[in-house]
Amino acid sequence: MTQLLFYERPVPLSPERHGDLRLAVRPDHHRFAAGVHAIPVTGTDSVANAKVAVARGTGLLLDVAGLTVKAVTTALGDVLDDPAHRRASGEVAAEIAAMPPPVSVIGPLTRLLGPVTG
């Protein structure tokens, strides 16, 4: 059975240790999850965020109360088969790629939050 925790040794981000890192979108970007049995379904932390994904054309919002295998299968097929979802996802990916690198906010965030204690 594949362990679902993908990160073997997570560490807090710091400007000193991670200052030269950048995010990149690559075709093999999710290779780390190749051995995991899963379907590409993403949950959001709020209905409002899910509605943004729907409005952008990058996803569908399913009613959890009426969730069935057929509903998930149908929605998944709709997302995977409709080129409009792929196109919209590509647009969002391009917007994200054009954003400043995460390292540019590490310093300001750590100054704002102050020291982290465990």
N, C-alpha and C. Protein backbone atom coordinates (compact mmCIF):
# COMPACT_ATOMS: atom_id res chain seq x y z
N MET A 1 0.84 -1.18 0.00
CA MET A 1 0.00 0.00 0.00
C MET A 1 0.89 1.24 0.00
N THR A 2 0.54 2.21 -0.84
CA THR A 2 1.32 3.43 -0.94
C THR A 2 0.94 4.39 0.18
N GLN A 3 1.95 4.96 0.83
CA GLN A 3 1.71 5.95 1.87
C GLN A 3 1.22 7.23 1.20
N LEU A 4 0.18 7.86 1.74
CA LEU A 4 -0.38 9.05 1.14
C LEU A 4 0.32 10.34 1.56
N LEU A 5 1.21 10.28 2.53
CA LEU A 5 1.99 11.46 2.89
C LEU A 5 3.16 11.54 1.91
N PHE A 6 3.13 12.54 1.03
CA PHE A 6 4.10 12.62 -0.05
C PHE A 6 5.45 13.18 0.39
N TYR A 7 5.45 13.92 1.48
CA TYR A 7 6.67 14.59 1.90
C TYR A 7 7.34 13.80 3.01
N GLU A 8 8.55 13.32 2.74
CA GLU A 8 9.25 12.49 3.72
C GLU A 8 9.82 13.31 4.86
N ARG A 9 10.35 14.49 4.55
CA ARG A 9 10.98 15.34 5.57
C ARG A 9 10.55 16.79 5.37
N PRO A 10 9.31 17.14 5.73
CA PRO A 10 8.89 18.53 5.53
C PRO A 10 9.69 19.48 6.41
N VAL A 11 9.99 20.66 5.88
CA VAL A 11 10.71 21.68 6.64
C VAL A 11 10.01 23.03 6.41
N PRO A 12 10.06 23.92 7.40
CA PRO A 12 9.47 25.26 7.20
C PRO A 12 10.26 26.03 6.14
N LEU A 13 9.56 26.85 5.38
CA LEU A 13 10.22 27.69 4.39
C LEU A 13 10.98 28.81 5.08
N SER A 14 12.14 29.13 4.55
CA SER A 14 12.90 30.26 5.06
C SER A 14 13.64 30.91 3.90
N PRO A 15 13.83 32.23 3.94
CA PRO A 15 14.54 32.92 2.86
C PRO A 15 15.97 32.41 2.70
N GLU A 16 16.62 32.09 3.83
CA GLU A 16 18.00 31.64 3.75
C GLU A 16 18.12 30.28 3.06
N ARG A 17 17.24 29.38 3.42
CA ARG A 17 17.33 28.01 2.91
C ARG A 17 16.68 27.84 1.54
N HIS A 18 15.64 28.61 1.26
CA HIS A 18 14.85 28.40 0.05
C HIS A 18 14.79 29.63 -0.85
N GLY A 19 15.65 30.60 -0.61
CA GLY A 19 15.60 31.87 -1.32
C GLY A 19 15.75 31.79 -2.82
N ASP A 20 16.39 30.74 -3.32
CA ASP A 20 16.59 30.65 -4.77
C ASP A 20 15.61 29.68 -5.44
N LEU A 21 14.63 29.20 -4.71
CA LEU A 21 13.66 28.26 -5.27
C LEU A 21 12.54 28.98 -6.00
N ARG A 22 12.02 28.36 -7.05
CA ARG A 22 10.88 28.89 -7.80
C ARG A 22 9.96 27.72 -8.13
N LEU A 23 8.69 28.02 -8.33
CA LEU A 23 7.75 26.99 -8.76
C LEU A 23 7.82 26.89 -10.28
N ALA A 24 7.72 25.69 -10.77
CA ALA A 24 7.72 25.46 -12.22
C ALA A 24 6.63 24.44 -12.54
N VAL A 25 5.97 24.65 -13.66
CA VAL A 25 4.97 23.69 -14.12
C VAL A 25 5.64 22.84 -15.19
N ARG A 26 5.69 21.54 -14.93
CA ARG A 26 6.34 20.63 -15.87
C ARG A 26 5.39 19.48 -16.18
N PRO A 27 5.57 18.82 -17.32
CA PRO A 27 4.71 17.68 -17.65
C PRO A 27 4.77 16.57 -16.60
N ASP A 28 5.91 16.41 -15.94
CA ASP A 28 6.05 15.34 -14.95
C ASP A 28 5.79 15.84 -13.52
N HIS A 29 5.11 16.97 -13.40
CA HIS A 29 4.94 17.65 -12.12
C HIS A 29 4.35 16.76 -11.02
N HIS A 30 3.46 15.87 -11.36
CA HIS A 30 2.81 15.04 -10.35
C HIS A 30 3.32 13.61 -10.34
N ARG A 31 4.51 13.39 -10.86
CA ARG A 31 5.08 12.04 -10.90
C ARG A 31 5.21 11.43 -9.50
N PHE A 32 5.40 12.27 -8.47
CA PHE A 32 5.55 11.77 -7.11
C PHE A 32 4.31 10.99 -6.66
N ALA A 33 3.17 11.22 -7.31
CA ALA A 33 1.94 10.55 -6.91
C ALA A 33 1.59 9.38 -7.83
N ALA A 34 2.53 8.98 -8.67
CA ALA A 34 2.24 7.95 -9.66
C ALA A 34 1.81 6.63 -9.04
N GLY A 35 2.32 6.28 -7.87
CA GLY A 35 1.97 5.01 -7.25
C GLY A 35 0.74 5.05 -6.37
N VAL A 36 0.09 6.21 -6.30
CA VAL A 36 -1.08 6.36 -5.45
C VAL A 36 -2.34 6.09 -6.27
N HIS A 37 -3.23 5.31 -5.72
CA HIS A 37 -4.50 5.05 -6.39
C HIS A 37 -5.46 6.18 -6.05
N ALA A 38 -5.73 7.05 -7.01
CA ALA A 38 -6.58 8.20 -6.76
C ALA A 38 -7.17 8.69 -8.07
N ILE A 39 -8.20 9.49 -7.97
CA ILE A 39 -8.75 10.17 -9.14
C ILE A 39 -8.52 11.66 -8.94
N PRO A 40 -8.39 12.41 -10.03
CA PRO A 40 -8.08 13.84 -9.91
C PRO A 40 -9.28 14.66 -9.44
N VAL A 41 -9.62 14.52 -8.19
CA VAL A 41 -10.71 15.28 -7.58
C VAL A 41 -10.10 16.15 -6.50
N THR A 42 -10.45 17.42 -6.52
CA THR A 42 -9.89 18.34 -5.55
C THR A 42 -11.01 18.94 -4.71
N GLY A 43 -10.80 18.96 -3.43
CA GLY A 43 -11.74 19.63 -2.54
C GLY A 43 -11.23 21.02 -2.27
N THR A 44 -12.11 21.89 -1.91
CA THR A 44 -11.69 23.25 -1.55
C THR A 44 -12.03 23.49 -0.10
N ASP A 45 -11.47 24.53 0.44
CA ASP A 45 -11.72 24.84 1.84
C ASP A 45 -13.03 25.59 2.04
N SER A 46 -13.69 25.97 0.96
CA SER A 46 -14.97 26.65 1.11
C SER A 46 -15.78 26.55 -0.18
N VAL A 47 -17.07 26.68 -0.04
CA VAL A 47 -17.95 26.69 -1.21
C VAL A 47 -17.63 27.89 -2.08
N ALA A 48 -17.26 29.00 -1.44
CA ALA A 48 -16.93 30.21 -2.22
C ALA A 48 -15.77 29.95 -3.18
N ASN A 49 -14.73 29.24 -2.71
CA ASN A 49 -13.60 28.93 -3.59
C ASN A 49 -14.02 27.96 -4.69
N ALA A 50 -14.87 27.02 -4.35
CA ALA A 50 -15.36 26.08 -5.38
C ALA A 50 -16.14 26.84 -6.45
N LYS A 51 -16.91 27.81 -6.03
CA LYS A 51 -17.68 28.61 -7.00
C LYS A 51 -16.76 29.41 -7.92
N VAL A 52 -15.62 29.84 -7.40
CA VAL A 52 -14.64 30.54 -8.24
C VAL A 52 -14.12 29.59 -9.32
N ALA A 53 -13.82 28.35 -8.93
CA ALA A 53 -13.34 27.35 -9.90
C ALA A 53 -14.41 27.10 -10.96
N VAL A 54 -15.65 27.01 -10.55
CA VAL A 54 -16.75 26.82 -11.51
C VAL A 54 -16.85 28.02 -12.44
N ALA A 55 -16.80 29.21 -11.86
CA ALA A 55 -16.91 30.44 -12.66
C ALA A 55 -15.76 30.55 -13.66
N ARG A 56 -14.57 30.11 -13.28
CA ARG A 56 -13.41 30.15 -14.18
C ARG A 56 -13.44 29.02 -15.20
N GLY A 57 -14.31 28.04 -15.00
CA GLY A 57 -14.41 26.93 -15.95
C GLY A 57 -13.40 25.83 -15.70
N THR A 58 -12.79 25.82 -14.51
CA THR A 58 -11.76 24.81 -14.22
C THR A 58 -12.28 23.64 -13.41
N GLY A 59 -13.54 23.67 -13.02
CA GLY A 59 -14.05 22.57 -12.21
C GLY A 59 -15.56 22.58 -12.12
N LEU A 60 -16.07 21.62 -11.40
CA LEU A 60 -17.50 21.48 -11.16
C LEU A 60 -17.73 21.42 -9.66
N LEU A 61 -18.89 21.84 -9.23
CA LEU A 61 -19.26 21.81 -7.82
C LEU A 61 -20.32 20.73 -7.63
N LEU A 62 -20.01 19.75 -6.82
CA LEU A 62 -20.94 18.67 -6.54
C LEU A 62 -21.55 18.86 -5.16
N ASP A 63 -22.81 18.50 -5.04
CA ASP A 63 -23.51 18.57 -3.76
C ASP A 63 -23.12 17.35 -2.93
N VAL A 64 -22.44 17.58 -1.82
CA VAL A 64 -21.96 16.49 -0.98
C VAL A 64 -23.12 15.64 -0.46
N ALA A 65 -24.24 16.27 -0.19
CA ALA A 65 -25.39 15.53 0.35
C ALA A 65 -25.90 14.49 -0.63
N GLY A 66 -25.81 14.76 -1.91
CA GLY A 66 -26.31 13.82 -2.92
C GLY A 66 -25.20 13.10 -3.66
N LEU A 67 -24.03 13.03 -3.07
CA LEU A 67 -22.87 12.45 -3.74
C LEU A 67 -23.02 10.94 -3.90
N THR A 68 -22.86 10.50 -5.13
CA THR A 68 -22.91 9.07 -5.44
C THR A 68 -21.73 8.74 -6.35
N VAL A 69 -21.45 7.47 -6.48
CA VAL A 69 -20.40 7.05 -7.40
C VAL A 69 -20.73 7.52 -8.81
N LYS A 70 -21.97 7.40 -9.21
CA LYS A 70 -22.39 7.82 -10.55
C LYS A 70 -22.19 9.34 -10.73
N ALA A 71 -22.53 10.13 -9.71
CA ALA A 71 -22.36 11.58 -9.81
C ALA A 71 -20.89 11.95 -9.98
N VAL A 72 -20.02 11.31 -9.19
CA VAL A 72 -18.58 11.60 -9.29
C VAL A 72 -18.04 11.13 -10.63
N THR A 73 -18.44 9.94 -11.06
CA THR A 73 -17.97 9.40 -12.34
C THR A 73 -18.40 10.29 -13.50
N THR A 74 -19.65 10.73 -13.47
CA THR A 74 -20.16 11.61 -14.53
C THR A 74 -19.42 12.94 -14.54
N ALA A 75 -19.25 13.54 -13.35
CA ALA A 75 -18.55 14.83 -13.26
C ALA A 75 -17.10 14.70 -13.72
N LEU A 76 -16.45 13.63 -13.31
CA LEU A 76 -15.07 13.41 -13.71
C LEU A 76 -14.96 13.27 -15.22
N GLY A 77 -15.88 12.50 -15.81
CA GLY A 77 -15.90 12.36 -17.28
C GLY A 77 -16.13 13.69 -17.96
N ASP A 78 -17.04 14.50 -17.41
CA ASP A 78 -17.31 15.82 -17.99
C ASP A 78 -16.07 16.69 -17.99
N VAL A 79 -15.36 16.72 -16.86
CA VAL A 79 -14.17 17.56 -16.75
C VAL A 79 -13.06 17.06 -17.68
N LEU A 80 -12.87 15.75 -17.73
CA LEU A 80 -11.78 15.20 -18.54
C LEU A 80 -12.07 15.24 -20.03
N ASP A 81 -13.35 15.16 -20.42
CA ASP A 81 -13.69 15.09 -21.84
C ASP A 81 -13.96 16.44 -22.48
N ASP A 82 -14.24 17.46 -21.70
CA ASP A 82 -14.59 18.76 -22.25
C ASP A 82 -13.33 19.61 -22.43
N PRO A 83 -12.97 19.93 -23.67
CA PRO A 83 -11.75 20.72 -23.90
C PRO A 83 -11.82 22.11 -23.27
N ALA A 84 -13.01 22.60 -22.98
CA ALA A 84 -13.12 23.92 -22.35
C ALA A 84 -12.50 23.91 -20.95
N HIS A 85 -12.63 22.80 -20.23
CA HIS A 85 -12.00 22.72 -18.90
C HIS A 85 -10.48 22.75 -19.02
N ARG A 86 -9.94 22.03 -19.98
CA ARG A 86 -8.49 22.02 -20.19
C ARG A 86 -8.00 23.41 -20.57
N ARG A 87 -8.74 24.07 -21.45
CA ARG A 87 -8.37 25.42 -21.88
C ARG A 87 -8.40 26.39 -20.70
N ALA A 88 -9.47 26.33 -19.90
CA ALA A 88 -9.58 27.23 -18.74
C ALA A 88 -8.47 26.94 -17.73
N SER A 89 -8.17 25.67 -17.51
CA SER A 89 -7.10 25.30 -16.58
C SER A 89 -5.76 25.83 -17.08
N GLY A 90 -5.55 25.77 -18.39
CA GLY A 90 -4.31 26.31 -18.97
C GLY A 90 -4.20 27.81 -18.76
N GLU A 91 -5.33 28.52 -18.87
CA GLU A 91 -5.32 29.96 -18.63
C GLU A 91 -4.96 30.28 -17.18
N VAL A 92 -5.56 29.53 -16.25
CA VAL A 92 -5.26 29.75 -14.84
C VAL A 92 -3.79 29.40 -14.55
N ALA A 93 -3.31 28.31 -15.14
CA ALA A 93 -1.91 27.92 -14.96
C ALA A 93 -0.97 29.02 -15.45
N ALA A 94 -1.31 29.64 -16.59
CA ALA A 94 -0.48 30.73 -17.12
C ALA A 94 -0.49 31.93 -16.18
N GLU A 95 -1.65 32.23 -15.59
CA GLU A 95 -1.73 33.33 -14.64
C GLU A 95 -0.85 33.05 -13.41
N ILE A 96 -0.92 31.81 -12.93
CA ILE A 96 -0.11 31.44 -11.76
C ILE A 96 1.38 31.51 -12.10
N ALA A 97 1.74 31.03 -13.29
CA ALA A 97 3.15 31.06 -13.70
C ALA A 97 3.68 32.49 -13.81
N ALA A 98 2.80 33.44 -14.10
CA ALA A 98 3.23 34.84 -14.24
C ALA A 98 3.33 35.56 -12.90
N MET A 99 2.87 34.91 -11.84
CA MET A 99 2.93 35.55 -10.52
C MET A 99 4.35 35.57 -9.99
N PRO A 100 4.63 36.48 -9.06
CA PRO A 100 5.97 36.50 -8.46
C PRO A 100 6.25 35.18 -7.75
N PRO A 101 7.50 34.79 -7.66
CA PRO A 101 7.81 33.53 -6.99
C PRO A 101 7.47 33.59 -5.51
N PRO A 102 7.11 32.44 -4.92
CA PRO A 102 6.78 32.42 -3.50
C PRO A 102 7.88 32.99 -2.61
N VAL A 103 9.13 32.83 -3.02
CA VAL A 103 10.23 33.33 -2.20
C VAL A 103 10.13 34.84 -1.99
N SER A 104 9.48 35.54 -2.91
CA SER A 104 9.38 36.99 -2.77
C SER A 104 8.47 37.41 -1.62
N VAL A 105 7.65 36.49 -1.11
CA VAL A 105 6.78 36.84 0.01
C VAL A 105 7.21 36.19 1.33
N ILE A 106 8.19 35.31 1.29
CA ILE A 106 8.62 34.64 2.52
C ILE A 106 9.13 35.65 3.54
N GLY A 107 10.00 36.54 3.13
CA GLY A 107 10.54 37.54 4.04
C GLY A 107 9.45 38.42 4.64
N PRO A 108 8.61 39.06 3.80
CA PRO A 108 7.54 39.90 4.35
C PRO A 108 6.58 39.12 5.26
N LEU A 109 6.27 37.88 4.91
CA LEU A 109 5.36 37.10 5.75
C LEU A 109 5.98 36.76 7.10
N THR A 110 7.25 36.37 7.10
CA THR A 110 7.88 36.02 8.36
C THR A 110 8.03 37.26 9.26
N ARG A 111 8.27 38.42 8.66
CA ARG A 111 8.31 39.64 9.46
C ARG A 111 6.94 39.98 10.01
N LEU A 112 5.91 39.77 9.23
CA LEU A 112 4.55 40.05 9.65
C LEU A 112 4.09 39.11 10.76
N LEU A 113 4.42 37.81 10.62
CA LEU A 113 3.96 36.80 11.57
C LEU A 113 4.82 36.72 12.82
N GLY A 114 6.07 37.10 12.71
CA GLY A 114 6.95 37.00 13.86
C GLY A 114 7.48 35.58 14.00
N PRO A 115 8.19 35.32 15.09
CA PRO A 115 8.79 33.98 15.26
C PRO A 115 7.72 32.90 15.42
N VAL A 116 8.00 31.74 14.84
CA VAL A 116 7.10 30.59 14.96
C VAL A 116 7.64 29.70 16.06
N THR A 117 6.79 29.40 17.00
CA THR A 117 7.21 28.50 18.10
C THR A 117 6.38 27.23 18.05
N GLY A 118 6.98 26.13 18.42
CA GLY A 118 6.32 24.84 18.32
C GLY A 118 5.75 24.40 19.59
